[in-house]
Amino acid sequence: MTQAHRLLPGARRDLLLVCDHASNAVPEGIDLGVPAPLLGAHVAWDIGAGALAEALAARLGAPAWLGAWSRLVVDCNRPPDAAIPEASDGHAIPGNRNLTPAARAARLALHAAFHDGLAARVGSGRPALLVSVHSFTPALASDPAPRPWPVAVLWNRDARAAEPALEALRREPDLPGPVGANEPYSGRILNYTMDRHAEANGIPYIGFEVRQDLLACRAGVEQWADRLERAVRHALARLG
């Protein structure tokens, strides 16, 4: 089966990073029917999030579980029945319409492999903290209002780690805007991976969102990795 994830090794076992939307790659044999430039846009992946997750993992000495394929192929941060989008931010995805049962099953097998492997990793080590790394576009085509938050923390019911992470980020100097709490998306609505692997197992977690224009260069990635590292270390200290 096509590999559904990429694991970055790390020595520590109390911490695991996850980046569902790290890649915009499309497996051989799948034609999404979209113009090539769209695969570089935010609808295809979380721009800069994979690089940020790698930089953060290196600073923390932690393993990172990265999605291997574009979310237009299969979105691993959605439940299986909503994981194959037929449109995204006003863009039709023709190759995802009228899939044969076999083609749909193959896509969902990638989804299952990503989550089954992650579940095995979580179950074998039972980390003290899961950290989810995402990025968001400065504005949507469907809602062009600028998003003012440079960074945000998402959570659903369990805020044990989210609250100290917010505290740490709000202490960061020279942020180009307010720190968001469940912005621009709410973790009470869009939180599938953390709901499944953290909340369902009683494991504290942090969902980070960083605005994509701030991750457009290596210097930006490094700067945000430094900030997120401080937030993670503060949360770990508070968790004890």
C-alpha atoms as a PDB file:
ATOM      1  CA  MET A   1       0.000   0.000   0.000  1.00  0.00           C
ATOM      2  CA  THR A   2       1.186   3.553  -0.653  1.00  0.00           C
ATOM      3  CA  GLN A   3       2.733   4.986   2.498  1.00  0.00           C
ATOM      4  CA  ALA A   4       0.256   7.378   4.140  1.00  0.00           C
ATOM      5  CA  HIS A   5       2.659   9.101   6.495  1.00  0.00           C
ATOM      6  CA  ARG A   6       6.261  10.109   7.071  1.00  0.00           C
ATOM      7  CA  LEU A   7       7.741   9.657  10.554  1.00  0.00           C
ATOM      8  CA  LEU A   8      10.534  11.913  11.740  1.00  0.00           C
ATOM      9  CA  PRO A   9      12.397  10.115  14.530  1.00  0.00           C
ATOM     10  CA  GLY A  10      12.943  11.716  17.894  1.00  0.00           C
ATOM     11  CA  ALA A  11      14.458  10.457  21.119  1.00  0.00           C
ATOM     12  CA  ARG A  12      11.833  11.612  23.573  1.00  0.00           C
ATOM     13  CA  ARG A  13       8.670   9.617  24.199  1.00  0.00           C
ATOM     14  CA  ASP A  14       6.669  12.099  26.270  1.00  0.00           C
ATOM     15  CA  LEU A  15       5.883  14.230  23.225  1.00  0.00           C
ATOM     16  CA  LEU A  16       4.587  13.549  19.706  1.00  0.00           C
ATOM     17  CA  LEU A  17       3.997  16.084  16.934  1.00  0.00           C
ATOM     18  CA  VAL A  18       1.399  15.565  14.206  1.00  0.00           C
ATOM     19  CA  CYS A  19       0.987  17.458  10.923  1.00  0.00           C
ATOM     20  CA  ASP A  20      -1.914  16.069   8.893  1.00  0.00           C
ATOM     21  CA  HIS A  21      -1.548  18.518   6.008  1.00  0.00           C
ATOM     22  CA  ALA A  22       2.243  18.550   5.592  1.00  0.00           C
ATOM     23  CA  SER A  23       2.283  17.556   1.904  1.00  0.00           C
ATOM     24  CA  ASN A  24       0.680  18.556  -1.392  1.00  0.00           C
ATOM     25  CA  ALA A  25       1.840  15.393  -3.183  1.00  0.00           C
ATOM     26  CA  VAL A  26      -0.562  13.299  -5.262  1.00  0.00           C
ATOM     27  CA  PRO A  27       0.004   9.538  -5.590  1.00  0.00           C
ATOM     28  CA  GLU A  28       0.809   8.182  -9.023  1.00  0.00           C
ATOM     29  CA  GLY A  29      -2.348   7.097 -10.809  1.00  0.00           C
ATOM     30  CA  ILE A  30      -4.636   9.687  -9.200  1.00  0.00           C
ATOM     31  CA  ASP A  31      -5.824  12.588 -11.362  1.00  0.00           C
ATOM     32  CA  LEU A  32      -7.610  15.252  -9.338  1.00  0.00           C
ATOM     33  CA  GLY A  33      -8.514  17.143 -12.500  1.00  0.00           C
ATOM     34  CA  VAL A  34      -7.261  20.492 -11.171  1.00  0.00           C
ATOM     35  CA  PRO A  35      -4.739  22.946 -12.653  1.00  0.00           C
ATOM     36  CA  ALA A  36      -1.204  22.301 -11.439  1.00  0.00           C
ATOM     37  CA  PRO A  37      -0.924  25.699  -9.661  1.00  0.00           C
ATOM     38  CA  LEU A  38      -3.832  24.771  -7.409  1.00  0.00           C
ATOM     39  CA  LEU A  39      -1.684  22.051  -5.847  1.00  0.00           C
ATOM     40  CA  GLY A  40       0.567  24.786  -4.506  1.00  0.00           C
ATOM     41  CA  ALA A  41      -2.335  26.697  -2.961  1.00  0.00           C
ATOM     42  CA  HIS A  42      -3.757  26.481   0.542  1.00  0.00           C
ATOM     43  CA  VAL A  43      -6.592  24.212  -0.557  1.00  0.00           C
ATOM     44  CA  ALA A  44      -4.088  21.432  -1.269  1.00  0.00           C
ATOM     45  CA  TRP A  45      -2.069  21.579   1.960  1.00  0.00           C
ATOM     46  CA  ASP A  46      -1.165  23.709   4.963  1.00  0.00           C
ATOM     47  CA  ILE A  47       1.548  25.856   3.417  1.00  0.00           C
ATOM     48  CA  GLY A  48       4.631  25.957   5.627  1.00  0.00           C
ATOM     49  CA  ALA A  49       3.182  23.636   8.270  1.00  0.00           C
ATOM     50  CA  GLY A  50       5.348  20.652   7.382  1.00  0.00           C
ATOM     51  CA  ALA A  51       8.535  22.711   7.539  1.00  0.00           C
ATOM     52  CA  LEU A  52       7.380  24.230  10.818  1.00  0.00           C
ATOM     53  CA  ALA A  53       6.614  20.815  12.307  1.00  0.00           C
ATOM     54  CA  GLU A  54      10.064  19.553  11.284  1.00  0.00           C
ATOM     55  CA  ALA A  55      11.815  22.580  12.795  1.00  0.00           C
ATOM     56  CA  LEU A  56       9.800  22.320  15.995  1.00  0.00           C
ATOM     57  CA  ALA A  57      10.443  18.585  16.299  1.00  0.00           C
ATOM     58  CA  ALA A  58      14.174  19.168  15.906  1.00  0.00           C
ATOM     59  CA  ARG A  59      14.200  21.774  18.672  1.00  0.00           C
ATOM     60  CA  LEU A  60      12.250  19.546  21.035  1.00  0.00           C
ATOM     61  CA  GLY A  61      13.959  16.271  20.122  1.00  0.00           C
ATOM     62  CA  ALA A  62      10.531  14.775  19.507  1.00  0.00           C
ATOM     63  CA  PRO A  63       9.158  12.488  16.799  1.00  0.00           C
ATOM     64  CA  ALA A  64       6.742  13.939  14.252  1.00  0.00           C
ATOM     65  CA  TRP A  65       4.040  12.123  12.286  1.00  0.00           C
ATOM     66  CA  LEU A  66       3.543  13.905   8.949  1.00  0.00           C
ATOM     67  CA  GLY A  67       0.854  13.283   6.358  1.00  0.00           C
ATOM     68  CA  ALA A  68       2.300  12.147   3.025  1.00  0.00           C
ATOM     69  CA  TRP A  69      -0.426  13.294   0.601  1.00  0.00           C
ATOM     70  CA  SER A  70      -2.422  16.349  -0.319  1.00  0.00           C
ATOM     71  CA  ARG A  71      -5.661  16.832   1.568  1.00  0.00           C
ATOM     72  CA  LEU A  72      -7.333  17.005  -1.832  1.00  0.00           C
ATOM     73  CA  VAL A  73      -6.483  13.302  -2.169  1.00  0.00           C
ATOM     74  CA  VAL A  74      -7.743  12.493   1.309  1.00  0.00           C
ATOM     75  CA  ASP A  75      -8.076  14.827   4.269  1.00  0.00           C
ATOM     76  CA  CYS A  76      -6.820  13.048   7.367  1.00  0.00           C
ATOM     77  CA  ASN A  77      -8.167  15.768   9.660  1.00  0.00           C
ATOM     78  CA  ARG A  78     -11.733  14.955   8.653  1.00  0.00           C
ATOM     79  CA  PRO A  79     -13.839  11.890   9.405  1.00  0.00           C
ATOM     80  CA  PRO A  80     -13.842   9.270   6.640  1.00  0.00           C
ATOM     81  CA  ASP A  81     -17.257  10.274   5.305  1.00  0.00           C
ATOM     82  CA  ALA A  82     -15.998  13.843   4.716  1.00  0.00           C
ATOM     83  CA  ALA A  83     -12.377  13.079   3.799  1.00  0.00           C
ATOM     84  CA  ILE A  84     -12.584  13.270  -0.021  1.00  0.00           C
ATOM     85  CA  PRO A  85     -13.541  16.849  -0.936  1.00  0.00           C
ATOM     86  CA  GLU A  86     -15.404  17.553  -4.155  1.00  0.00           C
ATOM     87  CA  ALA A  87     -14.739  21.290  -3.783  1.00  0.00           C
ATOM     88  CA  SER A  88     -12.558  23.524  -1.607  1.00  0.00           C
ATOM     89  CA  ASP A  89     -12.788  27.304  -1.146  1.00  0.00           C
ATOM     90  CA  GLY A  90     -14.713  27.664  -4.392  1.00  0.00           C
ATOM     91  CA  HIS A  91     -12.509  25.316  -6.444  1.00  0.00           C
ATOM     92  CA  ALA A  92     -14.101  22.199  -7.909  1.00  0.00           C
ATOM     93  CA  ILE A  93     -12.112  18.979  -7.592  1.00  0.00           C
ATOM     94  CA  PRO A  94     -13.452  17.014 -10.575  1.00  0.00           C
ATOM     95  CA  GLY A  95     -11.300  13.958  -9.937  1.00  0.00           C
ATOM     96  CA  ASN A  96     -13.042  13.418  -6.606  1.00  0.00           C
ATOM     97  CA  ARG A  97     -16.523  13.244  -8.106  1.00  0.00           C
ATOM     98  CA  ASN A  98     -18.223  10.020  -9.097  1.00  0.00           C
ATOM     99  CA  LEU A  99     -15.411   7.840  -7.764  1.00  0.00           C
ATOM    100  CA  THR A 100     -15.826   4.136  -8.291  1.00  0.00           C
ATOM    101  CA  PRO A 101     -16.231   2.078  -5.122  1.00  0.00           C
ATOM    102  CA  ALA A 102     -12.710   0.736  -5.615  1.00  0.00           C
ATOM    103  CA  ALA A 103     -11.200   4.207  -6.049  1.00  0.00           C
ATOM    104  CA  ARG A 104     -13.015   5.516  -2.989  1.00  0.00           C
ATOM    105  CA  ALA A 105     -11.879   2.536  -0.957  1.00  0.00           C
ATOM    106  CA  ALA A 106      -8.272   3.136  -2.017  1.00  0.00           C
ATOM    107  CA  ARG A 107      -8.433   6.761  -0.853  1.00  0.00           C
ATOM    108  CA  LEU A 108      -9.993   5.785   2.459  1.00  0.00           C
ATOM    109  CA  ALA A 109      -7.335   3.127   2.911  1.00  0.00           C
ATOM    110  CA  LEU A 110      -4.779   5.970   3.002  1.00  0.00           C
ATOM    111  CA  HIS A 111      -6.880   7.697   5.654  1.00  0.00           C
ATOM    112  CA  ALA A 112      -7.094   4.487   7.690  1.00  0.00           C
ATOM    113  CA  ALA A 113      -3.368   3.810   7.368  1.00  0.00           C
ATOM    114  CA  PHE A 114      -2.506   7.300   8.613  1.00  0.00           C
ATOM    115  CA  HIS A 115      -4.741   6.965  11.661  1.00  0.00           C
ATOM    116  CA  ASP A 116      -4.133   3.310  12.429  1.00  0.00           C
ATOM    117  CA  GLY A 117      -0.395   3.938  12.398  1.00  0.00           C
ATOM    118  CA  LEU A 118      -0.757   7.027  14.562  1.00  0.00           C
ATOM    119  CA  ALA A 119      -2.986   5.138  16.995  1.00  0.00           C
ATOM    120  CA  ALA A 120      -0.379   2.398  17.300  1.00  0.00           C
ATOM    121  CA  ARG A 121       2.336   4.997  17.929  1.00  0.00           C
ATOM    122  CA  VAL A 122       0.264   6.754  20.591  1.00  0.00           C
ATOM    123  CA  GLY A 123      -0.755   3.471  22.212  1.00  0.00           C
ATOM    124  CA  SER A 124       2.751   2.085  22.411  1.00  0.00           C
ATOM    125  CA  GLY A 125       4.299   5.146  24.029  1.00  0.00           C
ATOM    126  CA  ARG A 126       1.374   7.011  25.604  1.00  0.00           C
ATOM    127  CA  PRO A 127       2.960  10.478  25.250  1.00  0.00           C
ATOM    128  CA  ALA A 128       2.261  13.107  27.890  1.00  0.00           C
ATOM    129  CA  LEU A 129       1.409  15.654  25.183  1.00  0.00           C
ATOM    130  CA  LEU A 130       0.334  15.630  21.536  1.00  0.00           C
ATOM    131  CA  VAL A 131       1.018  18.713  19.425  1.00  0.00           C
ATOM    132  CA  SER A 132      -0.837  19.320  16.166  1.00  0.00           C
ATOM    133  CA  VAL A 133       0.725  21.767  13.687  1.00  0.00           C
ATOM    134  CA  HIS A 134      -1.400  23.520  11.060  1.00  0.00           C
ATOM    135  CA  SER A 135      -1.326  26.747   9.066  1.00  0.00           C
ATOM    136  CA  PHE A 136      -4.114  28.914   7.684  1.00  0.00           C
ATOM    137  CA  THR A 137      -4.454  31.216   4.724  1.00  0.00           C
ATOM    138  CA  PRO A 138      -4.569  34.991   5.436  1.00  0.00           C
ATOM    139  CA  ALA A 139      -7.971  35.121   3.734  1.00  0.00           C
ATOM    140  CA  LEU A 140     -10.357  32.797   1.952  1.00  0.00           C
ATOM    141  CA  ALA A 141     -11.633  33.407  -1.560  1.00  0.00           C
ATOM    142  CA  SER A 142     -15.107  32.705  -0.201  1.00  0.00           C
ATOM    143  CA  ASP A 143     -14.587  35.193   2.661  1.00  0.00           C
ATOM    144  CA  PRO A 144     -11.891  37.733   1.748  1.00  0.00           C
ATOM    145  CA  ALA A 145     -11.902  39.508   5.128  1.00  0.00           C
ATOM    146  CA  PRO A 146      -8.295  39.539   6.404  1.00  0.00           C
ATOM    147  CA  ARG A 147      -7.582  37.229   9.305  1.00  0.00           C
ATOM    148  CA  PRO A 148      -5.724  39.255  11.938  1.00  0.00           C
ATOM    149  CA  TRP A 149      -4.310  36.424  14.054  1.00  0.00           C
ATOM    150  CA  PRO A 150      -0.687  35.501  13.376  1.00  0.00           C
ATOM    151  CA  VAL A 151      -1.051  32.384  15.511  1.00  0.00           C
ATOM    152  CA  ALA A 152      -3.811  30.577  17.333  1.00  0.00           C
ATOM    153  CA  VAL A 153      -4.406  27.630  19.633  1.00  0.00           C
ATOM    154  CA  LEU A 154      -7.250  25.191  18.978  1.00  0.00           C
ATOM    155  CA  TRP A 155      -8.881  22.692  21.304  1.00  0.00           C
ATOM    156  CA  ASN A 156     -12.205  20.981  21.847  1.00  0.00           C
ATOM    157  CA  ARG A 157     -13.089  19.955  25.422  1.00  0.00           C
ATOM    158  CA  ASP A 158      -9.645  19.390  26.922  1.00  0.00           C
ATOM    159  CA  ALA A 159      -7.839  22.708  27.482  1.00  0.00           C
ATOM    160  CA  ARG A 160      -5.185  21.469  29.938  1.00  0.00           C
ATOM    161  CA  ALA A 161      -2.340  22.140  27.519  1.00  0.00           C
ATOM    162  CA  ALA A 162      -4.060  24.715  25.331  1.00  0.00           C
ATOM    163  CA  GLU A 163      -4.429  27.244  28.142  1.00  0.00           C
ATOM    164  CA  PRO A 164      -0.733  27.392  29.119  1.00  0.00           C
ATOM    165  CA  ALA A 165       0.213  27.455  25.430  1.00  0.00           C
ATOM    166  CA  LEU A 166      -2.023  30.502  25.001  1.00  0.00           C
ATOM    167  CA  GLU A 167      -0.424  32.120  28.050  1.00  0.00           C
ATOM    168  CA  ALA A 168       3.051  31.613  26.628  1.00  0.00           C
ATOM    169  CA  LEU A 169       2.173  32.912  23.174  1.00  0.00           C
ATOM    170  CA  ARG A 170       0.491  36.004  24.608  1.00  0.00           C
ATOM    171  CA  ARG A 171       3.754  36.819  26.395  1.00  0.00           C
ATOM    172  CA  GLU A 172       5.748  36.717  23.152  1.00  0.00           C
ATOM    173  CA  PRO A 173       7.034  40.183  22.196  1.00  0.00           C
ATOM    174  CA  ASP A 174       6.439  41.839  18.847  1.00  0.00           C
ATOM    175  CA  LEU A 175       3.674  39.561  17.581  1.00  0.00           C
ATOM    176  CA  PRO A 176       2.059  41.047  14.455  1.00  0.00           C
ATOM    177  CA  GLY A 177      -1.469  40.742  15.810  1.00  0.00           C
ATOM    178  CA  PRO A 178      -3.563  39.098  18.538  1.00  0.00           C
ATOM    179  CA  VAL A 179      -3.211  35.456  19.546  1.00  0.00           C
ATOM    180  CA  GLY A 180      -6.324  33.551  18.536  1.00  0.00           C
ATOM    181  CA  ALA A 181      -8.213  31.118  20.736  1.00  0.00           C
ATOM    182  CA  ASN A 182     -10.109  28.700  18.496  1.00  0.00           C
ATOM    183  CA  GLU A 183      -9.567  31.020  15.525  1.00  0.00           C
ATOM    184  CA  PRO A 184      -9.949  31.119  12.549  1.00  0.00           C
ATOM    185  CA  TYR A 185     -11.454  27.663  13.080  1.00  0.00           C
ATOM    186  CA  SER A 186     -12.867  26.228  16.255  1.00  0.00           C
ATOM    187  CA  GLY A 187     -11.417  23.026  17.625  1.00  0.00           C
ATOM    188  CA  ARG A 188     -14.913  22.273  18.821  1.00  0.00           C
ATOM    189  CA  ILE A 189     -15.867  21.780  15.158  1.00  0.00           C
ATOM    190  CA  LEU A 190     -12.688  20.876  13.213  1.00  0.00           C
ATOM    191  CA  ASN A 191     -10.571  18.678  15.463  1.00  0.00           C
ATOM    192  CA  TYR A 192     -10.832  15.141  14.081  1.00  0.00           C
ATOM    193  CA  THR A 193      -7.238  13.968  14.559  1.00  0.00           C
ATOM    194  CA  MET A 194      -6.882  15.378  18.070  1.00  0.00           C
ATOM    195  CA  ASP A 195     -10.377  14.235  19.036  1.00  0.00           C
ATOM    196  CA  ARG A 196      -9.515  10.711  17.951  1.00  0.00           C
ATOM    197  CA  HIS A 197      -5.994  10.354  19.304  1.00  0.00           C
ATOM    198  CA  ALA A 198      -5.813  12.829  22.197  1.00  0.00           C
ATOM    199  CA  GLU A 199      -9.275  13.574  23.598  1.00  0.00           C
ATOM    200  CA  ALA A 200     -10.489   9.984  23.230  1.00  0.00           C
ATOM    201  CA  ASN A 201      -7.415   8.752  25.125  1.00  0.00           C
ATOM    202  CA  GLY A 202      -7.368  11.438  27.802  1.00  0.00           C
ATOM    203  CA  ILE A 203      -4.048  12.821  26.512  1.00  0.00           C
ATOM    204  CA  PRO A 204      -3.463  16.599  26.737  1.00  0.00           C
ATOM    205  CA  TYR A 205      -2.811  18.305  23.418  1.00  0.00           C
ATOM    206  CA  ILE A 206      -2.193  21.617  21.695  1.00  0.00           C
ATOM    207  CA  GLY A 207      -3.493  22.508  18.254  1.00  0.00           C
ATOM    208  CA  PHE A 208      -1.321  25.243  16.737  1.00  0.00           C
ATOM    209  CA  GLU A 209      -2.374  27.332  13.732  1.00  0.00           C
ATOM    210  CA  VAL A 210       0.116  29.792  12.186  1.00  0.00           C
ATOM    211  CA  ARG A 211      -0.804  32.173   9.376  1.00  0.00           C
ATOM    212  CA  GLN A 212       0.773  31.105   6.118  1.00  0.00           C
ATOM    213  CA  ASP A 213       2.237  34.437   5.036  1.00  0.00           C
ATOM    214  CA  LEU A 214       4.414  34.306   8.171  1.00  0.00           C
ATOM    215  CA  LEU A 215       5.875  30.955   7.062  1.00  0.00           C
ATOM    216  CA  ALA A 216       6.756  32.046   3.527  1.00  0.00           C
ATOM    217  CA  CYS A 217      10.529  31.968   4.109  1.00  0.00           C
ATOM    218  CA  ARG A 218      12.941  29.900   6.156  1.00  0.00           C
ATOM    219  CA  ALA A 219      13.548  32.751   8.582  1.00  0.00           C
ATOM    220  CA  GLY A 220       9.825  32.911   9.297  1.00  0.00           C
ATOM    221  CA  VAL A 221       9.639  29.167   9.887  1.00  0.00           C
ATOM    222  CA  GLU A 222      12.585  29.334  12.303  1.00  0.00           C
ATOM    223  CA  GLN A 223      11.107  32.286  14.167  1.00  0.00           C
ATOM    224  CA  TRP A 224       7.781  30.547  14.657  1.00  0.00           C
ATOM    225  CA  ALA A 225       9.456  27.281  15.615  1.00  0.00           C
ATOM    226  CA  ASP A 226      11.220  29.199  18.399  1.00  0.00           C
ATOM    227  CA  ARG A 227       7.933  30.667  19.608  1.00  0.00           C
ATOM    228  CA  LEU A 228       6.057  27.390  19.497  1.00  0.00           C
ATOM    229  CA  GLU A 229       8.914  25.626  21.267  1.00  0.00           C
ATOM    230  CA  ARG A 230       8.588  28.027  24.189  1.00  0.00           C
ATOM    231  CA  ALA A 231       4.833  27.476  24.275  1.00  0.00           C
ATOM    232  CA  VAL A 232       5.219  23.680  24.249  1.00  0.00           C
ATOM    233  CA  ARG A 233       7.836  23.717  26.987  1.00  0.00           C
ATOM    234  CA  HIS A 234       5.625  25.962  29.121  1.00  0.00           C
ATOM    235  CA  ALA A 235       2.669  23.617  28.643  1.00  0.00           C
ATOM    236  CA  LEU A 236       4.773  20.567  29.551  1.00  0.00           C
ATOM    237  CA  ALA A 237       5.980  22.305  32.693  1.00  0.00           C
ATOM    238  CA  ARG A 238       2.433  23.173  33.699  1.00  0.00           C
ATOM    239  CA  LEU A 239       1.263  19.623  33.063  1.00  0.00           C
ATOM    240  CA  GLY A 240       3.981  18.392  35.391  1.00  0.00           C
END
